[in-house]
C-alpha atoms as a PDB file:
ATOM      1  CA  MET A   1     -47.183   0.108 -28.391  1.00  0.00           C
ATOM      2  CA  THR A   2     -48.904  -2.990 -29.691  1.00  0.00           C
ATOM      3  CA  HIS A   3     -49.354  -6.105 -27.602  1.00  0.00           C
ATOM      4  CA  LYS A   4     -46.956  -7.958 -29.900  1.00  0.00           C
ATOM      5  CA  THR A   5     -44.279  -5.252 -29.589  1.00  0.00           C
ATOM      6  CA  ALA A   6     -44.652  -5.196 -25.819  1.00  0.00           C
ATOM      7  CA  LYS A   7     -44.149  -8.966 -25.677  1.00  0.00           C
ATOM      8  CA  ILE A   8     -40.798  -8.480 -27.409  1.00  0.00           C
ATOM      9  CA  LEU A   9     -39.579  -5.318 -25.681  1.00  0.00           C
ATOM     10  CA  ILE A  10     -40.431  -6.175 -22.080  1.00  0.00           C
ATOM     11  CA  PRO A  11     -38.262  -9.347 -21.925  1.00  0.00           C
ATOM     12  CA  LEU A  12     -35.440  -7.413 -23.601  1.00  0.00           C
ATOM     13  CA  LEU A  13     -35.773  -4.644 -21.011  1.00  0.00           C
ATOM     14  CA  VAL A  14     -35.699  -7.176 -18.175  1.00  0.00           C
ATOM     15  CA  LEU A  15     -32.611  -8.793 -19.706  1.00  0.00           C
ATOM     16  CA  LEU A  16     -30.882  -5.402 -20.032  1.00  0.00           C
ATOM     17  CA  ILE A  17     -31.622  -4.486 -16.415  1.00  0.00           C
ATOM     18  CA  GLY A  18     -30.364  -7.899 -15.325  1.00  0.00           C
ATOM     19  CA  CYS A  19     -27.103  -7.404 -17.241  1.00  0.00           C
ATOM     20  CA  LEU A  20     -26.563  -3.971 -15.734  1.00  0.00           C
ATOM     21  CA  PHE A  21     -27.237  -5.350 -12.279  1.00  0.00           C
ATOM     22  CA  TYR A  22     -24.767  -8.181 -12.853  1.00  0.00           C
ATOM     23  CA  ILE A  23     -22.046  -5.813 -14.047  1.00  0.00           C
ATOM     24  CA  GLY A  24     -22.642  -3.470 -11.127  1.00  0.00           C
ATOM     25  CA  SER A  25     -22.708  -6.262  -8.584  1.00  0.00           C
ATOM     26  CA  ARG A  26     -19.607  -7.854 -10.148  1.00  0.00           C
ATOM     27  CA  LYS A  27     -17.689  -4.583  -9.741  1.00  0.00           C
ATOM     28  CA  HIS A  28     -19.003  -4.236  -6.215  1.00  0.00           C
ATOM     29  CA  PHE A  29     -17.956  -7.793  -5.472  1.00  0.00           C
ATOM     30  CA  PHE A  30     -14.397  -7.022  -6.457  1.00  0.00           C
ATOM     31  CA  VAL A  31     -14.302  -3.829  -4.399  1.00  0.00           C
ATOM     32  CA  SER A  32     -16.298  -4.988  -1.407  1.00  0.00           C
ATOM     33  CA  ASP A  33     -14.320  -6.043   1.637  1.00  0.00           C
ATOM     34  CA  GLY A  34     -17.120  -7.381   3.760  1.00  0.00           C
ATOM     35  CA  GLY A  35     -18.289  -3.958   4.867  1.00  0.00           C
ATOM     36  CA  SER A  36     -14.943  -2.999   6.367  1.00  0.00           C
ATOM     37  CA  LYS A  37     -13.854   0.510   5.405  1.00  0.00           C
ATOM     38  CA  VAL A  38     -10.593   0.435   7.393  1.00  0.00           C
ATOM     39  CA  GLN A  39      -7.782  -1.955   6.507  1.00  0.00           C
ATOM     40  CA  PHE A  40      -4.030  -2.103   7.026  1.00  0.00           C
ATOM     41  CA  TYR A  41      -0.742  -3.031   5.472  1.00  0.00           C
ATOM     42  CA  TYR A  42       1.722  -4.927   7.652  1.00  0.00           C
ATOM     43  CA  TRP A  43       5.216  -4.471   6.252  1.00  0.00           C
ATOM     44  CA  ARG A  44       7.766  -6.227   8.436  1.00  0.00           C
ATOM     45  CA  THR A  45       9.562  -9.536   8.059  1.00  0.00           C
ATOM     46  CA  HIS A  46       8.651 -10.544  11.617  1.00  0.00           C
ATOM     47  CA  TYR A  47       4.956 -10.616  12.380  1.00  0.00           C
ATOM     48  CA  ASN A  48       4.365  -9.337  15.895  1.00  0.00           C
ATOM     49  CA  ILE A  49       0.888  -8.294  16.986  1.00  0.00           C
ATOM     50  CA  ASP A  50       0.308  -7.688  20.693  1.00  0.00           C
ATOM     51  CA  GLU A  51      -2.912  -7.193  22.644  1.00  0.00           C
ATOM     52  CA  THR A  52      -2.787  -3.398  22.296  1.00  0.00           C
ATOM     53  CA  LEU A  53      -2.764  -3.612  18.515  1.00  0.00           C
ATOM     54  CA  ARG A  54      -5.387  -6.346  18.543  1.00  0.00           C
ATOM     55  CA  GLU A  55      -7.779  -4.164  20.498  1.00  0.00           C
ATOM     56  CA  LYS A  56      -7.252  -1.171  18.223  1.00  0.00           C
ATOM     57  CA  VAL A  57      -7.819  -3.268  15.122  1.00  0.00           C
ATOM     58  CA  LYS A  58     -10.978  -4.619  16.715  1.00  0.00           C
ATOM     59  CA  GLN A  59     -12.233  -1.119  17.552  1.00  0.00           C
ATOM     60  CA  LEU A  60     -11.655  -0.065  13.958  1.00  0.00           C
ATOM     61  CA  GLU A  61     -13.656  -3.093  12.741  1.00  0.00           C
ATOM     62  CA  CYS A  62     -10.827  -3.994  10.386  1.00  0.00           C
ATOM     63  CA  ASN A  63     -11.292  -7.392   8.759  1.00  0.00           C
ATOM     64  CA  ARG A  64      -8.402  -7.404   6.292  1.00  0.00           C
ATOM     65  CA  VAL A  65      -4.641  -6.974   6.574  1.00  0.00           C
ATOM     66  CA  TYR A  66      -2.365  -6.831   3.534  1.00  0.00           C
ATOM     67  CA  LEU A  67       0.606  -8.798   4.791  1.00  0.00           C
ATOM     68  CA  HIS A  68       4.015  -8.413   3.149  1.00  0.00           C
ATOM     69  CA  PHE A  69       5.229 -11.927   2.234  1.00  0.00           C
ATOM     70  CA  PHE A  70       8.492 -11.155   0.407  1.00  0.00           C
ATOM     71  CA  ASP A  71      10.259  -8.962  -2.143  1.00  0.00           C
ATOM     72  CA  VAL A  72      11.627  -9.976  -5.526  1.00  0.00           C
ATOM     73  CA  ILE A  73      14.811  -8.214  -6.650  1.00  0.00           C
ATOM     74  CA  TRP A  74      17.251  -8.561  -9.560  1.00  0.00           C
ATOM     75  CA  LYS A  75      20.684  -9.736  -8.438  1.00  0.00           C
ATOM     76  CA  ASN A  76      23.557 -11.533 -10.136  1.00  0.00           C
ATOM     77  CA  GLY A  77      21.647 -11.706 -13.405  1.00  0.00           C
ATOM     78  CA  MET A  78      18.516 -13.307 -11.997  1.00  0.00           C
ATOM     79  CA  SER A  79      15.378 -12.576 -10.006  1.00  0.00           C
ATOM     80  CA  MET A  80      15.425 -13.744  -6.412  1.00  0.00           C
ATOM     81  CA  PRO A  81      13.216 -13.469  -3.330  1.00  0.00           C
ATOM     82  CA  VAL A  82      14.429 -11.519  -0.291  1.00  0.00           C
ATOM     83  CA  ALA A  83      12.939 -10.153   2.944  1.00  0.00           C
ATOM     84  CA  LYS A  84      10.716 -13.215   3.334  1.00  0.00           C
ATOM     85  CA  LEU A  85       8.162 -13.316   6.127  1.00  0.00           C
ATOM     86  CA  ALA A  86       9.565 -15.226   9.094  1.00  0.00           C
ATOM     87  CA  PRO A  87       7.547 -18.069  10.663  1.00  0.00           C
ATOM     88  CA  VAL A  88       4.621 -16.642  12.603  1.00  0.00           C
ATOM     89  CA  LYS A  89       4.511 -17.640  16.279  1.00  0.00           C
ATOM     90  CA  SER A  90       1.164 -16.128  17.250  1.00  0.00           C
ATOM     91  CA  ASN A  91      -1.713 -14.321  15.611  1.00  0.00           C
ATOM     92  CA  PRO A  92      -4.121 -12.569  17.997  1.00  0.00           C
ATOM     93  CA  LEU A  93      -5.883 -10.976  15.011  1.00  0.00           C
ATOM     94  CA  PHE A  94      -7.118 -14.331  13.713  1.00  0.00           C
ATOM     95  CA  ALA A  95      -9.455 -14.666  16.689  1.00  0.00           C
ATOM     96  CA  ASP A  96     -11.163 -11.515  15.459  1.00  0.00           C
ATOM     97  CA  SER A  97     -11.622 -12.957  11.950  1.00  0.00           C
ATOM     98  CA  VAL A  98      -9.111 -10.679  10.287  1.00  0.00           C
ATOM     99  CA  LYS A  99      -8.191 -12.184   6.940  1.00  0.00           C
ATOM    100  CA  MET A 100      -4.672 -11.905   5.543  1.00  0.00           C
ATOM    101  CA  VAL A 101      -3.875 -10.952   1.945  1.00  0.00           C
ATOM    102  CA  PRO A 102      -0.366 -11.877   0.717  1.00  0.00           C
ATOM    103  CA  VAL A 103       1.515  -8.942  -0.801  1.00  0.00           C
ATOM    104  CA  VAL A 104       4.663  -9.300  -2.908  1.00  0.00           C
ATOM    105  CA  PHE A 105       6.843  -6.332  -3.808  1.00  0.00           C
ATOM    106  CA  ILE A 106       8.724  -6.704  -7.103  1.00  0.00           C
ATOM    107  CA  THR A 107      11.316  -4.171  -8.186  1.00  0.00           C
ATOM    108  CA  ASN A 108      10.973  -2.521 -11.560  1.00  0.00           C
ATOM    109  CA  GLU A 109      14.454  -3.815 -12.413  1.00  0.00           C
ATOM    110  CA  VAL A 110      13.116  -7.366 -12.437  1.00  0.00           C
ATOM    111  CA  PHE A 111      10.783  -6.575 -15.318  1.00  0.00           C
ATOM    112  CA  ALA A 112      13.410  -4.517 -17.101  1.00  0.00           C
ATOM    113  CA  ASN A 113      15.492  -7.690 -17.293  1.00  0.00           C
ATOM    114  CA  THR A 114      12.762 -10.336 -17.688  1.00  0.00           C
ATOM    115  CA  LYS A 115      11.135  -9.773 -21.046  1.00  0.00           C
ATOM    116  CA  GLN A 116      10.879 -13.168 -22.690  1.00  0.00           C
ATOM    117  CA  GLU A 117       7.539 -14.946 -22.419  1.00  0.00           C
ATOM    118  CA  THR A 118       9.129 -18.016 -20.843  1.00  0.00           C
ATOM    119  CA  GLY A 119      10.963 -15.879 -18.280  1.00  0.00           C
ATOM    120  CA  ILE A 120       7.762 -14.045 -17.304  1.00  0.00           C
ATOM    121  CA  SER A 121       5.871 -17.311 -16.955  1.00  0.00           C
ATOM    122  CA  GLU A 122       8.636 -18.839 -14.817  1.00  0.00           C
ATOM    123  CA  LEU A 123       8.677 -15.755 -12.577  1.00  0.00           C
ATOM    124  CA  ALA A 124       4.910 -15.938 -12.088  1.00  0.00           C
ATOM    125  CA  LYS A 125       5.110 -19.647 -11.313  1.00  0.00           C
ATOM    126  CA  ASN A 126       7.876 -19.118  -8.738  1.00  0.00           C
ATOM    127  CA  VAL A 127       6.081 -16.193  -7.073  1.00  0.00           C
ATOM    128  CA  ASN A 128       2.876 -18.198  -6.746  1.00  0.00           C
ATOM    129  CA  TYR A 129       4.782 -21.200  -5.360  1.00  0.00           C
ATOM    130  CA  LEU A 130       6.552 -19.151  -2.691  1.00  0.00           C
ATOM    131  CA  ILE A 131       3.312 -17.427  -1.659  1.00  0.00           C
ATOM    132  CA  SER A 132       1.706 -20.842  -1.154  1.00  0.00           C
ATOM    133  CA  ARG A 133       4.722 -22.150   0.721  1.00  0.00           C
ATOM    134  CA  ILE A 134       4.854 -19.198   3.130  1.00  0.00           C
ATOM    135  CA  ALA A 135       1.105 -19.395   3.703  1.00  0.00           C
ATOM    136  CA  ASN A 136       1.308 -23.125   4.407  1.00  0.00           C
ATOM    137  CA  TYR A 137       4.086 -22.937   6.986  1.00  0.00           C
ATOM    138  CA  ASN A 138       2.381 -20.027   8.695  1.00  0.00           C
ATOM    139  CA  GLU A 139      -0.799 -21.860   9.644  1.00  0.00           C
ATOM    140  CA  LEU A 140      -1.335 -19.504  12.576  1.00  0.00           C
ATOM    141  CA  LEU A 141      -2.317 -16.841  10.081  1.00  0.00           C
ATOM    142  CA  GLY A 142      -5.368 -18.883   9.239  1.00  0.00           C
ATOM    143  CA  LYS A 143      -6.645 -19.168   5.699  1.00  0.00           C
ATOM    144  CA  CYS A 144      -5.359 -16.297   3.572  1.00  0.00           C
ATOM    145  CA  GLU A 145      -7.950 -14.191   1.817  1.00  0.00           C
ATOM    146  CA  ASP A 146      -8.913 -15.050  -1.750  1.00  0.00           C
ATOM    147  CA  GLU A 147      -6.605 -12.367  -3.137  1.00  0.00           C
ATOM    148  CA  ILE A 148      -2.950 -11.795  -3.969  1.00  0.00           C
ATOM    149  CA  GLN A 149      -1.622  -8.260  -4.259  1.00  0.00           C
ATOM    150  CA  ILE A 150       1.434  -7.339  -6.313  1.00  0.00           C
ATOM    151  CA  ASP A 151       3.298  -4.134  -5.540  1.00  0.00           C
ATOM    152  CA  CYS A 152       5.435  -2.678  -8.338  1.00  0.00           C
ATOM    153  CA  ASP A 153       6.215   0.840  -9.502  1.00  0.00           C
ATOM    154  CA  TRP A 154       6.241  -0.044 -13.198  1.00  0.00           C
ATOM    155  CA  THR A 155       7.282   2.381 -15.926  1.00  0.00           C
ATOM    156  CA  GLN A 156       6.417   2.855 -19.589  1.00  0.00           C
ATOM    157  CA  SER A 157       9.336   0.658 -20.605  1.00  0.00           C
ATOM    158  CA  THR A 158       8.419  -2.199 -18.243  1.00  0.00           C
ATOM    159  CA  ARG A 159       4.644  -2.128 -18.364  1.00  0.00           C
ATOM    160  CA  SER A 160       4.372  -4.798 -21.081  1.00  0.00           C
ATOM    161  CA  ALA A 161       6.482  -7.245 -19.075  1.00  0.00           C
ATOM    162  CA  TYR A 162       4.720  -6.390 -15.810  1.00  0.00           C
ATOM    163  CA  PHE A 163       1.240  -6.692 -17.275  1.00  0.00           C
ATOM    164  CA  ALA A 164       2.208 -10.009 -18.888  1.00  0.00           C
ATOM    165  CA  PHE A 165       3.397 -11.185 -15.465  1.00  0.00           C
ATOM    166  CA  LEU A 166       0.033 -10.320 -13.886  1.00  0.00           C
ATOM    167  CA  ASP A 167      -1.780 -12.217 -16.636  1.00  0.00           C
ATOM    168  CA  SER A 168       0.537 -15.193 -16.170  1.00  0.00           C
ATOM    169  CA  LEU A 169       0.173 -15.172 -12.371  1.00  0.00           C
ATOM    170  CA  ALA A 170      -3.609 -15.313 -12.746  1.00  0.00           C
ATOM    171  CA  LYS A 171      -3.200 -18.591 -14.651  1.00  0.00           C
ATOM    172  CA  PHE A 172      -1.253 -20.207 -11.793  1.00  0.00           C
ATOM    173  CA  THR A 173      -3.693 -19.332  -9.012  1.00  0.00           C
ATOM    174  CA  GLU A 174      -7.417 -19.294  -8.378  1.00  0.00           C
ATOM    175  CA  LYS A 175      -7.031 -16.152  -6.284  1.00  0.00           C
ATOM    176  CA  LYS A 176      -7.957 -12.733  -7.602  1.00  0.00           C
ATOM    177  CA  ILE A 177      -5.009 -10.495  -8.489  1.00  0.00           C
ATOM    178  CA  SER A 178      -4.953  -6.928  -7.223  1.00  0.00           C
ATOM    179  CA  CYS A 179      -2.095  -4.481  -7.482  1.00  0.00           C
ATOM    180  CA  THR A 180      -0.839  -1.192  -6.122  1.00  0.00           C
ATOM    181  CA  ILE A 181      -1.164   1.955  -8.209  1.00  0.00           C
ATOM    182  CA  ARG A 182       1.125   4.979  -7.838  1.00  0.00           C
ATOM    183  CA  LEU A 183      -0.180   8.526  -8.170  1.00  0.00           C
ATOM    184  CA  HIS A 184       1.711   9.221 -11.382  1.00  0.00           C
ATOM    185  CA  GLN A 185       0.246   6.046 -12.895  1.00  0.00           C
ATOM    186  CA  VAL A 186      -3.243   7.459 -12.380  1.00  0.00           C
ATOM    187  CA  LYS A 187      -2.356  10.923 -13.608  1.00  0.00           C
ATOM    188  CA  ASP A 188      -0.588   9.623 -16.739  1.00  0.00           C
ATOM    189  CA  VAL A 189      -2.856   6.651 -17.368  1.00  0.00           C
ATOM    190  CA  ASP A 190      -2.586   6.969 -21.167  1.00  0.00           C
ATOM    191  CA  LYS A 191       1.185   6.494 -20.966  1.00  0.00           C
ATOM    192  CA  MET A 192       1.305   4.068 -18.042  1.00  0.00           C
ATOM    193  CA  GLY A 193      -1.592   1.824 -19.002  1.00  0.00           C
ATOM    194  CA  VAL A 194      -4.033  -0.034 -16.755  1.00  0.00           C
ATOM    195  CA  PRO A 195      -2.817  -3.304 -15.219  1.00  0.00           C
ATOM    196  CA  PRO A 196      -4.876  -6.475 -15.774  1.00  0.00           C
ATOM    197  CA  ALA A 197      -6.139  -6.824 -12.208  1.00  0.00           C
ATOM    198  CA  VAL A 198      -9.534  -6.961 -10.506  1.00  0.00           C
ATOM    199  CA  LYS A 199      -8.801  -3.837  -8.463  1.00  0.00           C
ATOM    200  CA  GLY A 200      -6.038  -1.463  -7.458  1.00  0.00           C
ATOM    201  CA  CYS A 201      -4.912   0.234  -4.273  1.00  0.00           C
ATOM    202  CA  LEU A 202      -3.907   3.837  -4.919  1.00  0.00           C
ATOM    203  CA  MET A 203      -0.833   4.812  -2.899  1.00  0.00           C
ATOM    204  CA  CYS A 204      -1.768   8.324  -1.703  1.00  0.00           C
ATOM    205  CA  TYR A 205       1.633   9.047  -0.209  1.00  0.00           C
ATOM    206  CA  ALA A 206       5.316   9.462  -1.107  1.00  0.00           C
ATOM    207  CA  THR A 207       4.152  12.482  -3.083  1.00  0.00           C
ATOM    208  CA  SER A 208       7.687  13.812  -3.590  1.00  0.00           C
ATOM    209  CA  ASP A 209      11.365  12.932  -3.118  1.00  0.00           C
ATOM    210  CA  PRO A 210      12.526  13.376   0.518  1.00  0.00           C
ATOM    211  CA  THR A 211      16.093  14.004  -0.638  1.00  0.00           C
ATOM    212  CA  GLU A 212      15.069  17.125  -2.556  1.00  0.00           C
ATOM    213  CA  THR A 213      14.982  20.453  -0.745  1.00  0.00           C
ATOM    214  CA  SER A 214      11.430  21.808  -0.498  1.00  0.00           C
ATOM    215  CA  ASN A 215       8.991  23.279   1.980  1.00  0.00           C
ATOM    216  CA  THR A 216       6.483  20.461   1.544  1.00  0.00           C
ATOM    217  CA  ASN A 217       6.010  17.200   3.406  1.00  0.00           C
ATOM    218  CA  SER A 218       7.381  14.575   1.025  1.00  0.00           C
ATOM    219  CA  ILE A 219       5.318  11.820   2.666  1.00  0.00           C
ATOM    220  CA  LEU A 220       2.006  13.515   1.980  1.00  0.00           C
ATOM    221  CA  ASP A 221       1.347  16.862   0.328  1.00  0.00           C
ATOM    222  CA  ILE A 222      -2.368  17.583  -0.075  1.00  0.00           C
ATOM    223  CA  GLY A 223      -1.830  19.952  -2.999  1.00  0.00           C
ATOM    224  CA  LEU A 224       0.138  17.355  -4.958  1.00  0.00           C
ATOM    225  CA  LEU A 225      -2.370  14.649  -4.038  1.00  0.00           C
ATOM    226  CA  LYS A 226      -5.196  16.746  -5.476  1.00  0.00           C
ATOM    227  CA  ASN A 227      -3.211  17.522  -8.611  1.00  0.00           C
ATOM    228  CA  TYR A 228      -2.417  13.876  -9.316  1.00  0.00           C
ATOM    229  CA  THR A 229      -5.964  12.627  -8.671  1.00  0.00           C
ATOM    230  CA  LYS A 230      -7.982  15.150 -10.677  1.00  0.00           C
ATOM    231  CA  ASN A 231      -9.258  12.403 -12.969  1.00  0.00           C
ATOM    232  CA  VAL A 232      -9.234   9.500 -10.515  1.00  0.00           C
ATOM    233  CA  ASN A 233     -12.991   8.947 -10.933  1.00  0.00           C
ATOM    234  CA  SER A 234     -12.433   7.933 -14.547  1.00  0.00           C
ATOM    235  CA  TYR A 235      -9.711   5.394 -13.765  1.00  0.00           C
ATOM    236  CA  PRO A 236     -10.828   2.045 -15.244  1.00  0.00           C
ATOM    237  CA  LEU A 237     -10.055  -0.095 -12.173  1.00  0.00           C
ATOM    238  CA  PRO A 238     -12.015  -0.100  -8.901  1.00  0.00           C
ATOM    239  CA  LEU A 239      -9.763   1.473  -6.262  1.00  0.00           C
ATOM    240  CA  THR A 240      -9.122   1.414  -2.570  1.00  0.00           C
ATOM    241  CA  TYR A 241      -6.973   4.208  -1.123  1.00  0.00           C
ATOM    242  CA  ALA A 242      -3.789   3.774   0.922  1.00  0.00           C
ATOM    243  CA  LEU A 243      -2.908   6.542   3.390  1.00  0.00           C
ATOM    244  CA  PRO A 244       0.270   6.816   5.488  1.00  0.00           C
ATOM    245  CA  LEU A 245       0.629   6.746   9.252  1.00  0.00           C
ATOM    246  CA  TYR A 246       4.414   6.666   9.288  1.00  0.00           C
ATOM    247  CA  SER A 247       7.142   9.217   9.871  1.00  0.00           C
ATOM    248  CA  TRP A 248      10.848   9.547   9.184  1.00  0.00           C
ATOM    249  CA  GLY A 249      13.845  11.698   9.839  1.00  0.00           C
ATOM    250  CA  ILE A 250      15.821  13.098   6.907  1.00  0.00           C
ATOM    251  CA  VAL A 251      19.434  13.114   8.121  1.00  0.00           C
ATOM    252  CA  THR A 252      21.990  15.375   6.434  1.00  0.00           C
ATOM    253  CA  ASN A 253      25.662  14.877   7.275  1.00  0.00           C
ATOM    254  CA  ASN A 254      28.528  17.378   7.093  1.00  0.00           C
ATOM    255  CA  SER A 255      29.069  16.525   3.418  1.00  0.00           C
ATOM    256  CA  GLN A 256      25.392  17.186   2.612  1.00  0.00           C
ATOM    257  CA  LYS A 257      24.700  13.511   2.002  1.00  0.00           C
ATOM    258  CA  ILE A 258      21.208  12.413   2.987  1.00  0.00           C
ATOM    259  CA  ARG A 259      19.723   9.256   4.447  1.00  0.00           C
ATOM    260  CA  LEU A 260      16.407   8.371   6.071  1.00  0.00           C
ATOM    261  CA  ILE A 261      15.682   7.024   9.545  1.00  0.00           C
ATOM    262  CA  ASN A 262      12.266   5.377   9.373  1.00  0.00           C
ATOM    263  CA  GLY A 263       9.899   5.783  12.295  1.00  0.00           C
ATOM    264  CA  LEU A 264      11.659   8.820  13.737  1.00  0.00           C
ATOM    265  CA  SER A 265       9.339  11.547  15.040  1.00  0.00           C
ATOM    266  CA  HIS A 266       9.416  14.757  17.072  1.00  0.00           C
ATOM    267  CA  LYS A 267       8.806  12.662  20.167  1.00  0.00           C
ATOM    268  CA  GLU A 268      12.262  11.046  19.999  1.00  0.00           C
ATOM    269  CA  LEU A 269      14.112  14.330  19.471  1.00  0.00           C
ATOM    270  CA  SER A 270      12.217  17.065  21.310  1.00  0.00           C
ATOM    271  CA  ASN A 271      13.275  15.921  24.790  1.00  0.00           C
ATOM    272  CA  ASN A 272      16.645  14.460  23.810  1.00  0.00           C
ATOM    273  CA  ASP A 273      19.686  16.259  25.258  1.00  0.00           C
ATOM    274  CA  ASN A 274      21.743  15.179  22.238  1.00  0.00           C
ATOM    275  CA  PHE A 275      19.702  17.432  19.942  1.00  0.00           C
ATOM    276  CA  THR A 276      18.663  21.056  19.816  1.00  0.00           C
ATOM    277  CA  LYS A 277      15.669  22.308  17.860  1.00  0.00           C
ATOM    278  CA  THR A 278      16.606  24.710  15.072  1.00  0.00           C
ATOM    279  CA  GLY A 279      13.253  25.133  13.312  1.00  0.00           C
ATOM    280  CA  GLU A 280       9.653  23.959  13.284  1.00  0.00           C
ATOM    281  CA  ASN A 281      10.657  20.508  12.027  1.00  0.00           C
ATOM    282  CA  THR A 282      14.468  20.565  12.203  1.00  0.00           C
ATOM    283  CA  TYR A 283      17.037  19.508  14.802  1.00  0.00           C
ATOM    284  CA  LYS A 284      20.818  19.572  15.101  1.00  0.00           C
ATOM    285  CA  ALA A 285      22.953  16.989  16.881  1.00  0.00           C
ATOM    286  CA  VAL A 286      25.055  18.579  19.651  1.00  0.00           C
ATOM    287  CA  ASN A 287      26.777  15.283  20.474  1.00  0.00           C
ATOM    288  CA  ASP A 288      27.762  12.081  18.709  1.00  0.00           C
ATOM    289  CA  CYS A 289      24.975   9.636  19.543  1.00  0.00           C
ATOM    290  CA  PHE A 290      22.673   6.825  18.483  1.00  0.00           C
ATOM    291  CA  ILE A 291      19.074   7.510  17.537  1.00  0.00           C
ATOM    292  CA  ASN A 292      16.690   4.666  16.650  1.00  0.00           C
ATOM    293  CA  GLY A 293      19.714   2.419  16.125  1.00  0.00           C
ATOM    294  CA  PHE A 294      21.514   4.823  13.782  1.00  0.00           C
ATOM    295  CA  TYR A 295      24.758   6.579  14.643  1.00  0.00           C
ATOM    296  CA  VAL A 296      24.619  10.349  14.208  1.00  0.00           C
ATOM    297  CA  ASN A 297      27.637  12.628  14.445  1.00  0.00           C
ATOM    298  CA  LYS A 298      27.721  16.045  16.066  1.00  0.00           C
ATOM    299  CA  ASN A 299      26.405  18.823  13.785  1.00  0.00           C
ATOM    300  CA  TYR A 300      24.335  16.452  11.646  1.00  0.00           C
ATOM    301  CA  THR A 301      20.879  17.888  10.971  1.00  0.00           C
ATOM    302  CA  ILE A 302      17.583  15.999  11.038  1.00  0.00           C
ATOM    303  CA  GLU A 303      14.331  17.131   9.481  1.00  0.00           C
ATOM    304  CA  ILE A 304      11.239  15.357  10.770  1.00  0.00           C
ATOM    305  CA  GLU A 305       8.395  14.540   8.421  1.00  0.00           C
ATOM    306  CA  GLU A 306       5.388  12.885   9.992  1.00  0.00           C
ATOM    307  CA  ILE A 307       1.702  12.416   9.475  1.00  0.00           C
ATOM    308  CA  THR A 308      -0.312  14.339  12.042  1.00  0.00           C
ATOM    309  CA  PRO A 309      -3.994  13.691  12.832  1.00  0.00           C
ATOM    310  CA  SER A 310      -4.822  17.003  11.129  1.00  0.00           C
ATOM    311  CA  LEU A 311      -2.961  16.125   7.914  1.00  0.00           C
ATOM    312  CA  LEU A 312      -4.504  12.663   7.829  1.00  0.00           C
ATOM    313  CA  MET A 313      -7.963  14.146   8.290  1.00  0.00           C
ATOM    314  CA  GLN A 314      -7.411  16.542   5.379  1.00  0.00           C
ATOM    315  CA  ALA A 315      -6.416  13.661   3.115  1.00  0.00           C
ATOM    316  CA  ARG A 316      -9.355  11.510   4.191  1.00  0.00           C
ATOM    317  CA  GLN A 317     -11.809  14.350   3.728  1.00  0.00           C
ATOM    318  CA  TYR A 318     -10.494  15.095   0.255  1.00  0.00           C
ATOM    319  CA  ILE A 319     -10.697  11.460  -0.854  1.00  0.00           C
ATOM    320  CA  ASN A 320     -14.157  11.069   0.632  1.00  0.00           C
ATOM    321  CA  ASP A 321     -15.394  14.203  -1.144  1.00  0.00           C
ATOM    322  CA  LYS A 322     -13.756  13.061  -4.376  1.00  0.00           C
ATOM    323  CA  VAL A 323     -14.924   9.445  -4.576  1.00  0.00           C
ATOM    324  CA  GLY A 324     -17.430   8.983  -1.744  1.00  0.00           C
ATOM    325  CA  ASP A 325     -17.073   6.568   1.186  1.00  0.00           C
ATOM    326  CA  PRO A 326     -13.874   4.809   0.070  1.00  0.00           C
ATOM    327  CA  THR A 327     -12.103   1.873   1.655  1.00  0.00           C
ATOM    328  CA  ILE A 328      -8.945   3.173   3.348  1.00  0.00           C
ATOM    329  CA  VAL A 329      -5.859   0.974   3.737  1.00  0.00           C
ATOM    330  CA  TYR A 330      -3.415   2.438   6.256  1.00  0.00           C
ATOM    331  CA  TYR A 331       0.321   1.984   5.898  1.00  0.00           C
ATOM    332  CA  HIS A 332       1.152   0.411   8.164  1.00  0.00           C
ATOM    333  CA  LEU A 333      -0.033  -1.582  11.202  1.00  0.00           C
ATOM    334  CA  SER A 334       2.322  -0.538  13.986  1.00  0.00           C
ATOM    335  CA  LYS A 335       1.709   0.266  17.647  1.00  0.00           C
ATOM    336  CA  GLY A 336       4.130   3.184  17.464  1.00  0.00           C
ATOM    337  CA  TYR A 337       2.212   4.718  14.567  1.00  0.00           C
ATOM    338  CA  LEU A 338      -1.308   3.996  15.783  1.00  0.00           C
ATOM    339  CA  GLU A 339      -0.743   5.533  19.217  1.00  0.00           C
ATOM    340  CA  ARG A 340      -0.356   8.942  17.543  1.00  0.00           C
ATOM    341  CA  PHE A 341      -3.960   8.900  16.312  1.00  0.00           C
ATOM    342  CA  PRO A 342      -7.258   8.826  18.220  1.00  0.00           C
ATOM    343  CA  ILE A 343      -9.356   5.849  17.099  1.00  0.00           C
ATOM    344  CA  ASN A 344     -12.128   8.111  15.790  1.00  0.00           C
ATOM    345  CA  ASP A 345      -9.623   9.871  13.506  1.00  0.00           C
ATOM    346  CA  LEU A 346      -8.900   6.548  11.781  1.00  0.00           C
ATOM    347  CA  LYS A 347     -12.489   5.429  11.292  1.00  0.00           C
END
């Protein structure tokens, strides 16, 4: 190499390395959450964090909570907000510097019916306005994190409208836009597309339909999770990974109609005189009674599906082996759910 050639190539090499470093650090900036590898969703309309939860969050070194602000549904020929976060009366987590990220759930039906450019823009404007309004009248939450997350299970037919909404929302706010990603949207990325967001949170649960008869846990089935995430490392967006802590009871009445009772676990039924155990995860009502606020008639059956420490550990180990040291976002922050897991199992 001549001296003249070296004078040309060396600055170009330095510039190339600098560009690669910038791109890498930019991606890391979007994914990084201040070193915290454990985060939570909080998905209730009334924010209620007591000292027990505060201490557990502190032990887990969580510094970010994805806080459900409201839903947007399609009703009476228009989109409208429902399930809005009630005024917050206290926030023990703020003292521990836990930042809040507003999350808005929007039904797929909204985008199926809002296709015009002006309608999409108006929806984005209204969503951003309501986020700001809720954040402002909930000063106890402290300053919300520099991120807004949108939760929507979009389809092939609605992806254009949904993606246009995300682009439009980004124009109304200085915050970064992230979004949730369902398992099928990763598996069928060519059909489903990649949303215009800085990062995604992959929902590693609800792997099957709880109303369908099967021998698998519909909340989380490791085999299905592995099948749907075979190519997750090639997904174009940086990802965090949401894992479930919740449980439910699948209630079947005498006409074989099914409904879910959220939060129900073996604990509520195993020592309840109104129920008899008929299988490893199944119970039968021997009396008419209330359970978790729901009325259950005699002879109704309940199948319990819950996340055990062992099942959670399997999922975490798989994800860690697959992608390496991921950020985990647990769904969701609840004392009833967290008490089922040793702290070390969640770290």
